[in-house]
C-alpha atoms as a PDB file:
ATOM      1  CA  UNK A   1      15.169 -63.134 -11.773  1.00  0.00           C
ATOM      2  CA  UNK A   2      14.896 -60.316 -13.756  1.00  0.00           C
ATOM      3  CA  UNK A   3      11.723 -57.813 -13.727  1.00  0.00           C
ATOM      4  CA  UNK A   4      10.427 -56.504 -16.498  1.00  0.00           C
ATOM      5  CA  UNK A   5       8.044 -53.639 -17.384  1.00  0.00           C
ATOM      6  CA  UNK A   6       6.379 -53.393 -20.872  1.00  0.00           C
ATOM      7  CA  UNK A   7       5.070 -49.783 -21.671  1.00  0.00           C
ATOM      8  CA  UNK A   8       3.075 -49.018 -24.794  1.00  0.00           C
ATOM      9  CA  UNK A   9       1.884 -45.543 -26.235  1.00  0.00           C
ATOM     10  CA  UNK A  10       0.195 -44.527 -29.389  1.00  0.00           C
ATOM     11  CA  UNK A  11      -1.881 -42.383 -30.635  1.00  0.00           C
ATOM     12  CA  UNK A  12      -3.899 -41.652 -34.013  1.00  0.00           C
ATOM     13  CA  UNK A  13      -3.914 -38.259 -36.289  1.00  0.00           C
ATOM     14  CA  UNK A  14      -7.288 -37.613 -37.555  1.00  0.00           C
ATOM     15  CA  UNK A  15      -9.472 -40.358 -36.290  1.00  0.00           C
ATOM     16  CA  UNK A  16     -12.396 -39.014 -37.766  1.00  0.00           C
ATOM     17  CA  UNK A  17     -11.169 -38.808 -41.671  1.00  0.00           C
ATOM     18  CA  UNK A  18     -10.780 -41.149 -44.063  1.00  0.00           C
ATOM     19  CA  UNK A  19      -6.712 -41.178 -44.243  1.00  0.00           C
ATOM     20  CA  UNK A  20      -5.300 -41.593 -40.758  1.00  0.00           C
ATOM     21  CA  UNK A  21      -1.706 -41.442 -39.334  1.00  0.00           C
ATOM     22  CA  UNK A  22      -0.995 -43.900 -36.660  1.00  0.00           C
ATOM     23  CA  UNK A  23       2.091 -44.203 -34.594  1.00  0.00           C
ATOM     24  CA  UNK A  24       2.719 -46.546 -31.773  1.00  0.00           C
ATOM     25  CA  UNK A  25       6.113 -46.827 -29.243  1.00  0.00           C
ATOM     26  CA  UNK A  26       6.215 -49.705 -27.124  1.00  0.00           C
ATOM     27  CA  UNK A  27       9.402 -50.256 -24.667  1.00  0.00           C
ATOM     28  CA  UNK A  28      10.544 -52.891 -22.609  1.00  0.00           C
ATOM     29  CA  UNK A  29      12.261 -51.598 -18.699  1.00  0.00           C
ATOM     30  CA  UNK A  30      14.720 -53.449 -17.336  1.00  0.00           C
ATOM     31  CA  UNK A  31      14.596 -53.310 -13.297  1.00  0.00           C
ATOM     32  CA  UNK A  32      16.510 -54.905 -10.173  1.00  0.00           C
ATOM     33  CA  UNK A  33      19.758 -56.347  -9.767  1.00  0.00           C
ATOM     34  CA  UNK A  34      19.617 -59.160 -11.612  1.00  0.00           C
ATOM     35  CA  UNK A  35      19.617 -57.458 -15.309  1.00  0.00           C
ATOM     36  CA  UNK A  36      23.063 -56.065 -16.040  1.00  0.00           C
ATOM     37  CA  UNK A  37      23.968 -53.406 -17.537  1.00  0.00           C
ATOM     38  CA  UNK A  38      25.160 -53.956 -21.312  1.00  0.00           C
ATOM     39  CA  UNK A  39      27.903 -51.729 -22.528  1.00  0.00           C
ATOM     40  CA  UNK A  40      27.043 -53.328 -25.996  1.00  0.00           C
ATOM     41  CA  UNK A  41      23.567 -52.175 -25.629  1.00  0.00           C
ATOM     42  CA  UNK A  42      20.431 -50.353 -24.935  1.00  0.00           C
ATOM     43  CA  UNK A  43      19.510 -50.718 -21.306  1.00  0.00           C
ATOM     44  CA  UNK A  44      15.571 -49.817 -22.374  1.00  0.00           C
ATOM     45  CA  UNK A  45      14.664 -50.868 -26.082  1.00  0.00           C
ATOM     46  CA  UNK A  46      12.231 -49.060 -27.740  1.00  0.00           C
ATOM     47  CA  UNK A  47      10.065 -50.445 -30.777  1.00  0.00           C
ATOM     48  CA  UNK A  48       8.600 -47.578 -33.064  1.00  0.00           C
ATOM     49  CA  UNK A  49       5.249 -48.762 -35.668  1.00  0.00           C
ATOM     50  CA  UNK A  50       4.383 -46.400 -37.975  1.00  0.00           C
ATOM     51  CA  UNK A  51       1.566 -45.978 -40.011  1.00  0.00           C
ATOM     52  CA  UNK A  52      -1.517 -44.987 -42.397  1.00  0.00           C
ATOM     53  CA  UNK A  53      -4.949 -46.430 -42.128  1.00  0.00           C
ATOM     54  CA  UNK A  54      -6.807 -45.700 -45.691  1.00  0.00           C
ATOM     55  CA  UNK A  55     -10.634 -46.404 -45.470  1.00  0.00           C
ATOM     56  CA  UNK A  56     -12.145 -47.583 -48.581  1.00  0.00           C
ATOM     57  CA  UNK A  57     -15.555 -47.546 -47.807  1.00  0.00           C
ATOM     58  CA  UNK A  58     -16.370 -46.793 -44.245  1.00  0.00           C
ATOM     59  CA  UNK A  59     -16.513 -50.458 -42.885  1.00  0.00           C
ATOM     60  CA  UNK A  60     -13.134 -51.433 -44.451  1.00  0.00           C
ATOM     61  CA  UNK A  61      -9.657 -50.388 -44.212  1.00  0.00           C
ATOM     62  CA  UNK A  62      -6.329 -51.135 -45.145  1.00  0.00           C
ATOM     63  CA  UNK A  63      -3.683 -50.534 -42.404  1.00  0.00           C
ATOM     64  CA  UNK A  64       0.199 -50.149 -43.878  1.00  0.00           C
ATOM     65  CA  UNK A  65       2.990 -50.085 -40.891  1.00  0.00           C
ATOM     66  CA  UNK A  66       6.480 -49.744 -40.511  1.00  0.00           C
ATOM     67  CA  UNK A  67       8.489 -51.246 -37.158  1.00  0.00           C
ATOM     68  CA  UNK A  68      11.878 -50.534 -36.067  1.00  0.00           C
ATOM     69  CA  UNK A  69      13.744 -49.845 -32.943  1.00  0.00           C
ATOM     70  CA  UNK A  70      14.141 -46.262 -31.953  1.00  0.00           C
ATOM     71  CA  UNK A  71      16.174 -44.189 -32.157  1.00  0.00           C
ATOM     72  CA  UNK A  72      19.333 -45.742 -34.015  1.00  0.00           C
ATOM     73  CA  UNK A  73      17.777 -48.345 -36.851  1.00  0.00           C
ATOM     74  CA  UNK A  74      21.335 -50.114 -37.720  1.00  0.00           C
ATOM     75  CA  UNK A  75      22.061 -51.264 -33.994  1.00  0.00           C
ATOM     76  CA  UNK A  76      19.278 -53.041 -32.036  1.00  0.00           C
ATOM     77  CA  UNK A  77      19.759 -55.135 -29.312  1.00  0.00           C
ATOM     78  CA  UNK A  78      16.968 -57.323 -29.943  1.00  0.00           C
ATOM     79  CA  UNK A  79      17.934 -57.637 -33.678  1.00  0.00           C
ATOM     80  CA  UNK A  80      14.758 -55.741 -34.966  1.00  0.00           C
ATOM     81  CA  UNK A  81      15.395 -54.992 -38.621  1.00  0.00           C
ATOM     82  CA  UNK A  82      13.098 -52.586 -40.425  1.00  0.00           C
ATOM     83  CA  UNK A  83       9.738 -54.706 -41.409  1.00  0.00           C
ATOM     84  CA  UNK A  84       6.079 -54.264 -42.675  1.00  0.00           C
ATOM     85  CA  UNK A  85       3.080 -55.017 -40.260  1.00  0.00           C
END
């Protein structure tokens, strides 16, 4: 059985303002001898989500984001394409 470690880190720029910029990175680390080292893919895939949050009124906000594989958007072992989240 393979061992997996999920990691995630994110931040928000200007958290007290009406317009906020967000970024989040999530990754999957493989450990152990049961996980083969793939020649055609990344051993530790990472996804990136970047977006913006706009507060229309103080109680309601709209979030718009784009998710992509990192660092190369043309080849990703988990076949994630750019998508709106």
